[in-house]
Amino acid sequence: MDRTFLALGAISAAISVAAGAFGAHALKARLSPDLLAVFETGARYQMYHALGLGLVAWAAARGGGAAAGWAGWLLVLGTLLFSGSLYALALTGVRALGAVTPLGGVAFIAGWIALAVAALRG
């Protein structure tokens, strides 16, 4: 499980860097400043949680048990929902997609709490 989360974190970090560069170079002239800021928020939070997946991998390798697994999958889910909805909102302008973003935020919070439990048990 530790290798899975480390690999997912590394892939997510790479996507975050690519998204940041895409936003800074390709989207800067195409999006309004507020939508560009939304896109950049998605990329920033994706990177934070990609690094979090590295911590999950470390906790899993140190015997974090089921809590480490929950932490990892919750951070992955949070990234898909939070960053994914922000990317989609910025690119389409469909504001209704913003309703999905808080669900990703809840998954992030739950993932960090699960990581704390894994750290205390490991």
C-alpha atoms as a PDB file:
ATOM      1  CA  MET A   1       0.000   0.000   0.000  1.00  0.00           C
ATOM      2  CA  ASP A   2       2.854   2.408   0.733  1.00  0.00           C
ATOM      3  CA  ARG A   3       4.183   2.146  -2.817  1.00  0.00           C
ATOM      4  CA  THR A   4       0.720   2.734  -4.256  1.00  0.00           C
ATOM      5  CA  PHE A   5       0.237   5.959  -2.330  1.00  0.00           C
ATOM      6  CA  LEU A   6       3.768   7.161  -3.033  1.00  0.00           C
ATOM      7  CA  ALA A   7       3.219   6.544  -6.754  1.00  0.00           C
ATOM      8  CA  LEU A   8      -0.190   8.237  -6.692  1.00  0.00           C
ATOM      9  CA  GLY A   9       1.302  11.198  -4.857  1.00  0.00           C
ATOM     10  CA  ALA A  10       4.133  11.531  -7.365  1.00  0.00           C
ATOM     11  CA  ILE A  11       1.736  11.320 -10.320  1.00  0.00           C
ATOM     12  CA  SER A  12      -0.597  13.835  -8.701  1.00  0.00           C
ATOM     13  CA  ALA A  13       2.315  16.211  -8.052  1.00  0.00           C
ATOM     14  CA  ALA A  14       3.363  15.959 -11.700  1.00  0.00           C
ATOM     15  CA  ILE A  15      -0.198  16.706 -12.837  1.00  0.00           C
ATOM     16  CA  SER A  16      -0.309  19.650 -10.434  1.00  0.00           C
ATOM     17  CA  VAL A  17       2.880  21.128 -11.887  1.00  0.00           C
ATOM     18  CA  ALA A  18       1.560  20.627 -15.417  1.00  0.00           C
ATOM     19  CA  ALA A  19      -1.767  22.230 -14.473  1.00  0.00           C
ATOM     20  CA  GLY A  20       0.012  25.179 -12.889  1.00  0.00           C
ATOM     21  CA  ALA A  21       2.117  25.721 -15.982  1.00  0.00           C
ATOM     22  CA  PHE A  22      -0.932  25.327 -18.220  1.00  0.00           C
ATOM     23  CA  GLY A  23      -2.793  27.900 -16.159  1.00  0.00           C
ATOM     24  CA  ALA A  24       0.101  30.357 -16.110  1.00  0.00           C
ATOM     25  CA  HIS A  25       0.878  30.130 -19.808  1.00  0.00           C
ATOM     26  CA  ALA A  26      -2.045  28.802 -21.849  1.00  0.00           C
ATOM     27  CA  LEU A  27      -4.993  30.012 -19.818  1.00  0.00           C
ATOM     28  CA  LYS A  28      -3.779  33.420 -18.666  1.00  0.00           C
ATOM     29  CA  ALA A  29      -5.004  35.143 -21.822  1.00  0.00           C
ATOM     30  CA  ARG A  30      -8.151  33.013 -22.138  1.00  0.00           C
ATOM     31  CA  LEU A  31      -9.695  33.089 -18.656  1.00  0.00           C
ATOM     32  CA  SER A  32     -10.955  35.968 -16.593  1.00  0.00           C
ATOM     33  CA  PRO A  33      -8.809  36.714 -13.526  1.00  0.00           C
ATOM     34  CA  ASP A  34     -11.376  35.169 -11.164  1.00  0.00           C
ATOM     35  CA  LEU A  35     -11.562  31.903 -13.137  1.00  0.00           C
ATOM     36  CA  LEU A  36      -7.780  31.797 -13.438  1.00  0.00           C
ATOM     37  CA  ALA A  37      -7.587  32.125  -9.647  1.00  0.00           C
ATOM     38  CA  VAL A  38     -10.038  29.215  -9.322  1.00  0.00           C
ATOM     39  CA  PHE A  39      -7.851  27.087 -11.599  1.00  0.00           C
ATOM     40  CA  GLU A  40      -4.712  28.024  -9.645  1.00  0.00           C
ATOM     41  CA  THR A  41      -6.427  27.090  -6.370  1.00  0.00           C
ATOM     42  CA  GLY A  42      -7.147  23.647  -7.799  1.00  0.00           C
ATOM     43  CA  ALA A  43      -3.499  23.185  -8.769  1.00  0.00           C
ATOM     44  CA  ARG A  44      -2.221  24.433  -5.406  1.00  0.00           C
ATOM     45  CA  TYR A  45      -4.465  22.134  -3.369  1.00  0.00           C
ATOM     46  CA  GLN A  46      -3.619  19.221  -5.631  1.00  0.00           C
ATOM     47  CA  MET A  47       0.068  19.738  -4.836  1.00  0.00           C
ATOM     48  CA  TYR A  48      -0.565  20.013  -1.094  1.00  0.00           C
ATOM     49  CA  HIS A  49      -2.409  16.722  -1.127  1.00  0.00           C
ATOM     50  CA  ALA A  50       0.089  15.035  -3.443  1.00  0.00           C
ATOM     51  CA  LEU A  51       2.660  15.736  -0.734  1.00  0.00           C
ATOM     52  CA  GLY A  52       0.155  14.446   1.800  1.00  0.00           C
ATOM     53  CA  LEU A  53       0.038  11.171  -0.102  1.00  0.00           C
ATOM     54  CA  GLY A  54       3.787  10.904   0.458  1.00  0.00           C
ATOM     55  CA  LEU A  55       3.119  11.196   4.185  1.00  0.00           C
ATOM     56  CA  VAL A  56       0.445   8.530   3.875  1.00  0.00           C
ATOM     57  CA  ALA A  57       2.963   6.238   2.167  1.00  0.00           C
ATOM     58  CA  TRP A  58       5.397   6.850   5.031  1.00  0.00           C
ATOM     59  CA  ALA A  59       2.685   6.114   7.630  1.00  0.00           C
ATOM     60  CA  ALA A  60       1.616   2.964   5.781  1.00  0.00           C
ATOM     61  CA  ALA A  61       5.212   1.716   5.667  1.00  0.00           C
ATOM     62  CA  ARG A  62       5.494   2.285   9.430  1.00  0.00           C
ATOM     63  CA  GLY A  63       2.424   0.203  10.249  1.00  0.00           C
ATOM     64  CA  GLY A  64      -0.367   2.758  10.057  1.00  0.00           C
ATOM     65  CA  GLY A  65      -2.834  -0.003   9.248  1.00  0.00           C
ATOM     66  CA  ALA A  66      -6.302   0.588   7.898  1.00  0.00           C
ATOM     67  CA  ALA A  67      -6.255   4.236   8.954  1.00  0.00           C
ATOM     68  CA  ALA A  68      -3.364   4.893   6.557  1.00  0.00           C
ATOM     69  CA  GLY A  69      -5.311   3.274   3.744  1.00  0.00           C
ATOM     70  CA  TRP A  70      -8.372   5.363   4.529  1.00  0.00           C
ATOM     71  CA  ALA A  71      -6.204   8.481   4.665  1.00  0.00           C
ATOM     72  CA  GLY A  72      -4.720   7.794   1.253  1.00  0.00           C
ATOM     73  CA  TRP A  73      -7.967   7.029  -0.519  1.00  0.00           C
ATOM     74  CA  LEU A  74      -9.681  10.016   1.087  1.00  0.00           C
ATOM     75  CA  LEU A  75      -6.901  12.324  -0.123  1.00  0.00           C
ATOM     76  CA  VAL A  76      -7.187  10.833  -3.618  1.00  0.00           C
ATOM     77  CA  LEU A  77     -10.974  11.281  -3.564  1.00  0.00           C
ATOM     78  CA  GLY A  78     -10.591  14.810  -2.232  1.00  0.00           C
ATOM     79  CA  THR A  79      -8.192  15.675  -5.029  1.00  0.00           C
ATOM     80  CA  LEU A  80     -10.560  14.350  -7.673  1.00  0.00           C
ATOM     81  CA  LEU A  81     -13.564  16.177  -6.227  1.00  0.00           C
ATOM     82  CA  PHE A  82     -11.943  19.406  -5.028  1.00  0.00           C
ATOM     83  CA  SER A  83      -9.286  20.095  -7.636  1.00  0.00           C
ATOM     84  CA  GLY A  84     -11.214  18.356 -10.398  1.00  0.00           C
ATOM     85  CA  SER A  85     -14.324  20.454  -9.822  1.00  0.00           C
ATOM     86  CA  LEU A  86     -12.258  23.659  -9.715  1.00  0.00           C
ATOM     87  CA  TYR A  87     -10.480  22.768 -12.959  1.00  0.00           C
ATOM     88  CA  ALA A  88     -13.811  21.980 -14.615  1.00  0.00           C
ATOM     89  CA  LEU A  89     -15.440  25.152 -13.267  1.00  0.00           C
ATOM     90  CA  ALA A  90     -12.573  27.312 -14.521  1.00  0.00           C
ATOM     91  CA  LEU A  91     -12.488  25.709 -17.960  1.00  0.00           C
ATOM     92  CA  THR A  92     -16.248  25.613 -18.559  1.00  0.00           C
ATOM     93  CA  GLY A  93     -17.497  28.563 -16.519  1.00  0.00           C
ATOM     94  CA  VAL A  94     -20.311  26.366 -15.165  1.00  0.00           C
ATOM     95  CA  ARG A  95     -20.638  27.711 -11.622  1.00  0.00           C
ATOM     96  CA  ALA A  96     -22.834  24.790 -10.541  1.00  0.00           C
ATOM     97  CA  LEU A  97     -19.673  22.634 -10.511  1.00  0.00           C
ATOM     98  CA  GLY A  98     -18.617  24.613  -7.447  1.00  0.00           C
ATOM     99  CA  ALA A  99     -21.212  22.652  -5.472  1.00  0.00           C
ATOM    100  CA  VAL A 100     -18.945  19.579  -5.712  1.00  0.00           C
ATOM    101  CA  THR A 101     -15.888  21.379  -4.320  1.00  0.00           C
ATOM    102  CA  PRO A 102     -16.920  21.261  -0.627  1.00  0.00           C
ATOM    103  CA  LEU A 103     -17.341  17.481  -0.850  1.00  0.00           C
ATOM    104  CA  GLY A 104     -13.683  17.301  -1.831  1.00  0.00           C
ATOM    105  CA  GLY A 105     -12.826  19.564   1.085  1.00  0.00           C
ATOM    106  CA  VAL A 106     -14.625  17.222   3.479  1.00  0.00           C
ATOM    107  CA  ALA A 107     -12.706  14.275   2.016  1.00  0.00           C
ATOM    108  CA  PHE A 108      -9.447  16.201   2.534  1.00  0.00           C
ATOM    109  CA  ILE A 109     -10.284  16.907   6.180  1.00  0.00           C
ATOM    110  CA  ALA A 110     -11.291  13.302   6.808  1.00  0.00           C
ATOM    111  CA  GLY A 111      -8.096  12.120   5.107  1.00  0.00           C
ATOM    112  CA  TRP A 112      -5.893  14.277   7.329  1.00  0.00           C
ATOM    113  CA  ILE A 113      -7.736  13.063  10.433  1.00  0.00           C
ATOM    114  CA  ALA A 114      -7.273   9.460   9.305  1.00  0.00           C
ATOM    115  CA  LEU A 115      -3.578  10.170   8.779  1.00  0.00           C
ATOM    116  CA  ALA A 116      -3.343  11.488  12.343  1.00  0.00           C
ATOM    117  CA  VAL A 117      -4.980   8.287  13.588  1.00  0.00           C
ATOM    118  CA  ALA A 118      -2.541   6.220  11.522  1.00  0.00           C
ATOM    119  CA  ALA A 119       0.380   8.152  12.989  1.00  0.00           C
ATOM    120  CA  LEU A 120      -0.821   7.593  16.536  1.00  0.00           C
ATOM    121  CA  ARG A 121      -1.384   3.883  15.969  1.00  0.00           C
ATOM    122  CA  GLY A 122       1.769   3.219  13.910  1.00  0.00           C
END
